[in-house]
């Protein structure tokens, strides 16, 4: 799984947009590409899937750590045997929580709070 942000994906691929960049990475042998798109959400690209996920609507206070929150939550959820779709949605929520607070260490959401939020919002 390769998880660049929009700028990284375009720079590394030499392509003009994220969909072209994701397709380029597929040709290089990567199986799953997830490109974070800031407030626009996330793009998932596999051989068979091209899907966009909306970002949670939050007031951005400090974007520092948003990608870290996304990637670490994605990894944790995949290790917990979540499917990729649910793991991406959980990671997006974690990133949203993170960027809605000031400072990185104070803004990372803990596992039980994230699980409670997802149950409350009926996110599967």
C-alpha atoms as a PDB file:
ATOM      1  CA  UNK A   1       0.000   0.000   0.000  1.00  0.00           C
ATOM      2  CA  UNK A   2       1.453   3.324  -1.111  1.00  0.00           C
ATOM      3  CA  UNK A   3       0.056   6.456   0.596  1.00  0.00           C
ATOM      4  CA  UNK A   4       1.379   9.734  -0.810  1.00  0.00           C
ATOM      5  CA  UNK A   5      -0.401  13.056  -0.564  1.00  0.00           C
ATOM      6  CA  UNK A   6      -1.561  14.863  -3.723  1.00  0.00           C
ATOM      7  CA  UNK A   7       1.640  16.881  -4.186  1.00  0.00           C
ATOM      8  CA  UNK A   8       3.909  13.896  -3.605  1.00  0.00           C
ATOM      9  CA  UNK A   9       1.941  11.704  -6.016  1.00  0.00           C
ATOM     10  CA  UNK A  10       2.112  14.261  -8.820  1.00  0.00           C
ATOM     11  CA  UNK A  11       5.801  15.017  -8.246  1.00  0.00           C
ATOM     12  CA  UNK A  12       6.848  11.379  -8.033  1.00  0.00           C
ATOM     13  CA  UNK A  13       4.821  10.302 -11.064  1.00  0.00           C
ATOM     14  CA  UNK A  14       5.436  13.322 -13.264  1.00  0.00           C
ATOM     15  CA  UNK A  15       1.725  13.275 -14.136  1.00  0.00           C
ATOM     16  CA  UNK A  16      -0.767  16.133 -14.229  1.00  0.00           C
ATOM     17  CA  UNK A  17      -3.450  14.886 -11.812  1.00  0.00           C
ATOM     18  CA  UNK A  18      -3.999  12.310  -9.092  1.00  0.00           C
ATOM     19  CA  UNK A  19      -5.856   9.785 -11.220  1.00  0.00           C
ATOM     20  CA  UNK A  20      -3.049   9.751 -13.786  1.00  0.00           C
ATOM     21  CA  UNK A  21      -0.520   9.531 -10.959  1.00  0.00           C
ATOM     22  CA  UNK A  22      -2.331   6.567  -9.391  1.00  0.00           C
ATOM     23  CA  UNK A  23      -2.459   4.793 -12.762  1.00  0.00           C
ATOM     24  CA  UNK A  24       1.267   5.417 -13.194  1.00  0.00           C
ATOM     25  CA  UNK A  25       2.017   3.791  -9.832  1.00  0.00           C
ATOM     26  CA  UNK A  26      -0.045   0.748 -10.841  1.00  0.00           C
ATOM     27  CA  UNK A  27       2.186   0.341 -13.917  1.00  0.00           C
ATOM     28  CA  UNK A  28       5.197   0.299 -11.586  1.00  0.00           C
ATOM     29  CA  UNK A  29       3.882  -2.734  -9.720  1.00  0.00           C
ATOM     30  CA  UNK A  30       2.157  -1.144  -6.750  1.00  0.00           C
ATOM     31  CA  UNK A  31      -1.104  -2.926  -5.921  1.00  0.00           C
ATOM     32  CA  UNK A  32      -2.898  -0.364  -3.767  1.00  0.00           C
ATOM     33  CA  UNK A  33      -2.492   3.396  -3.996  1.00  0.00           C
ATOM     34  CA  UNK A  34      -4.207   5.730  -1.543  1.00  0.00           C
ATOM     35  CA  UNK A  35      -3.660   9.418  -2.283  1.00  0.00           C
ATOM     36  CA  UNK A  36      -4.671  11.870   0.415  1.00  0.00           C
ATOM     37  CA  UNK A  37      -6.310  14.994  -0.976  1.00  0.00           C
ATOM     38  CA  UNK A  38      -6.380  17.330   2.029  1.00  0.00           C
ATOM     39  CA  UNK A  39      -9.893  18.738   2.562  1.00  0.00           C
ATOM     40  CA  UNK A  40     -11.086  16.973  -0.611  1.00  0.00           C
ATOM     41  CA  UNK A  41     -10.717  13.499   0.886  1.00  0.00           C
ATOM     42  CA  UNK A  42      -8.901  10.433  -0.391  1.00  0.00           C
ATOM     43  CA  UNK A  43      -8.457   8.588  -3.669  1.00  0.00           C
ATOM     44  CA  UNK A  44      -8.173   4.790  -3.646  1.00  0.00           C
ATOM     45  CA  UNK A  45      -6.791   3.083  -6.748  1.00  0.00           C
ATOM     46  CA  UNK A  46      -6.276  -0.602  -7.334  1.00  0.00           C
ATOM     47  CA  UNK A  47      -6.315  -2.580 -10.557  1.00  0.00           C
ATOM     48  CA  UNK A  48     -10.107  -2.914 -10.235  1.00  0.00           C
ATOM     49  CA  UNK A  49     -11.122   0.111  -8.157  1.00  0.00           C
ATOM     50  CA  UNK A  50     -11.055   3.884  -8.561  1.00  0.00           C
ATOM     51  CA  UNK A  51     -12.905   5.419  -5.630  1.00  0.00           C
ATOM     52  CA  UNK A  52     -13.021   8.772  -3.899  1.00  0.00           C
ATOM     53  CA  UNK A  53     -13.791   9.202  -0.201  1.00  0.00           C
ATOM     54  CA  UNK A  54     -15.020  12.486   1.228  1.00  0.00           C
ATOM     55  CA  UNK A  55     -13.072  14.134   4.013  1.00  0.00           C
ATOM     56  CA  UNK A  56     -14.916  14.737   7.270  1.00  0.00           C
ATOM     57  CA  UNK A  57     -16.164  18.287   7.586  1.00  0.00           C
ATOM     58  CA  UNK A  58     -14.055  19.904  10.294  1.00  0.00           C
ATOM     59  CA  UNK A  59     -12.668  23.310  11.119  1.00  0.00           C
ATOM     60  CA  UNK A  60      -8.961  23.035  10.396  1.00  0.00           C
ATOM     61  CA  UNK A  61      -6.920  24.424  13.272  1.00  0.00           C
ATOM     62  CA  UNK A  62      -3.530  22.841  12.584  1.00  0.00           C
ATOM     63  CA  UNK A  63      -2.897  20.444   9.689  1.00  0.00           C
ATOM     64  CA  UNK A  64       0.350  19.207  11.248  1.00  0.00           C
ATOM     65  CA  UNK A  65       0.075  15.498  11.891  1.00  0.00           C
ATOM     66  CA  UNK A  66      -2.977  14.875   9.712  1.00  0.00           C
ATOM     67  CA  UNK A  67      -1.118  12.512   7.388  1.00  0.00           C
ATOM     68  CA  UNK A  68       0.496  10.754  10.342  1.00  0.00           C
ATOM     69  CA  UNK A  69      -2.921  10.236  11.917  1.00  0.00           C
ATOM     70  CA  UNK A  70      -4.304   8.937   8.618  1.00  0.00           C
ATOM     71  CA  UNK A  71      -1.511   6.478   7.878  1.00  0.00           C
ATOM     72  CA  UNK A  72      -1.144   5.156  11.427  1.00  0.00           C
ATOM     73  CA  UNK A  73      -4.889   4.618  11.775  1.00  0.00           C
ATOM     74  CA  UNK A  74      -5.045   2.954   8.355  1.00  0.00           C
ATOM     75  CA  UNK A  75      -2.291   0.540   9.375  1.00  0.00           C
ATOM     76  CA  UNK A  76      -3.845  -0.172  12.774  1.00  0.00           C
ATOM     77  CA  UNK A  77      -7.270  -0.853  11.307  1.00  0.00           C
ATOM     78  CA  UNK A  78      -5.875  -3.142   8.624  1.00  0.00           C
ATOM     79  CA  UNK A  79      -3.990  -5.046  11.338  1.00  0.00           C
ATOM     80  CA  UNK A  80      -7.327  -5.315  13.207  1.00  0.00           C
ATOM     81  CA  UNK A  81      -8.717  -7.063  10.102  1.00  0.00           C
ATOM     82  CA  UNK A  82     -10.858  -4.181   8.910  1.00  0.00           C
ATOM     83  CA  UNK A  83     -11.541  -4.194   5.198  1.00  0.00           C
ATOM     84  CA  UNK A  84      -9.743  -1.534   3.181  1.00  0.00           C
ATOM     85  CA  UNK A  85     -12.914   0.535   2.723  1.00  0.00           C
ATOM     86  CA  UNK A  86     -13.660   0.757   6.449  1.00  0.00           C
ATOM     87  CA  UNK A  87      -9.985   1.302   7.293  1.00  0.00           C
ATOM     88  CA  UNK A  88      -9.844   4.291   4.928  1.00  0.00           C
ATOM     89  CA  UNK A  89     -12.997   5.785   6.464  1.00  0.00           C
ATOM     90  CA  UNK A  90     -11.604   5.320   9.995  1.00  0.00           C
ATOM     91  CA  UNK A  91      -8.281   6.852   8.940  1.00  0.00           C
ATOM     92  CA  UNK A  92     -10.080   9.863   7.453  1.00  0.00           C
ATOM     93  CA  UNK A  93     -11.968  10.401  10.696  1.00  0.00           C
ATOM     94  CA  UNK A  94      -8.743  10.159  12.708  1.00  0.00           C
ATOM     95  CA  UNK A  95      -7.081  12.718  10.424  1.00  0.00           C
ATOM     96  CA  UNK A  96     -10.119  15.000  10.785  1.00  0.00           C
ATOM     97  CA  UNK A  97      -9.920  14.827  14.574  1.00  0.00           C
ATOM     98  CA  UNK A  98      -6.197  15.546  14.423  1.00  0.00           C
ATOM     99  CA  UNK A  99      -6.375  18.659  12.261  1.00  0.00           C
ATOM    100  CA  UNK A 100      -9.231  20.128  14.281  1.00  0.00           C
ATOM    101  CA  UNK A 101      -6.902  20.678  17.251  1.00  0.00           C
ATOM    102  CA  UNK A 102      -3.657  22.544  17.775  1.00  0.00           C
ATOM    103  CA  UNK A 103      -0.456  20.557  18.143  1.00  0.00           C
ATOM    104  CA  UNK A 104       0.278  17.013  17.127  1.00  0.00           C
ATOM    105  CA  UNK A 105       0.579  15.147  20.426  1.00  0.00           C
ATOM    106  CA  UNK A 106      -2.649  16.643  21.793  1.00  0.00           C
ATOM    107  CA  UNK A 107      -4.599  16.011  18.621  1.00  0.00           C
ATOM    108  CA  UNK A 108      -4.121  12.299  17.966  1.00  0.00           C
ATOM    109  CA  UNK A 109      -7.292  10.339  18.646  1.00  0.00           C
ATOM    110  CA  UNK A 110      -7.066   7.221  20.776  1.00  0.00           C
ATOM    111  CA  UNK A 111      -8.390   3.845  19.684  1.00  0.00           C
ATOM    112  CA  UNK A 112     -11.434   3.672  21.963  1.00  0.00           C
ATOM    113  CA  UNK A 113     -12.594   7.221  21.149  1.00  0.00           C
ATOM    114  CA  UNK A 114     -12.374   6.486  17.428  1.00  0.00           C
ATOM    115  CA  UNK A 115     -14.277   3.205  17.840  1.00  0.00           C
ATOM    116  CA  UNK A 116     -16.980   4.923  19.934  1.00  0.00           C
ATOM    117  CA  UNK A 117     -17.368   7.686  17.357  1.00  0.00           C
ATOM    118  CA  UNK A 118     -17.671   5.199  14.484  1.00  0.00           C
ATOM    119  CA  UNK A 119     -20.327   3.205  16.385  1.00  0.00           C
ATOM    120  CA  UNK A 120     -22.225   6.368  17.289  1.00  0.00           C
ATOM    121  CA  UNK A 121     -22.204   7.542  13.641  1.00  0.00           C
ATOM    122  CA  UNK A 122     -22.999   4.014  12.392  1.00  0.00           C
ATOM    123  CA  UNK A 123     -19.884   3.892  10.230  1.00  0.00           C
ATOM    124  CA  UNK A 124     -19.182   0.364   9.070  1.00  0.00           C
END
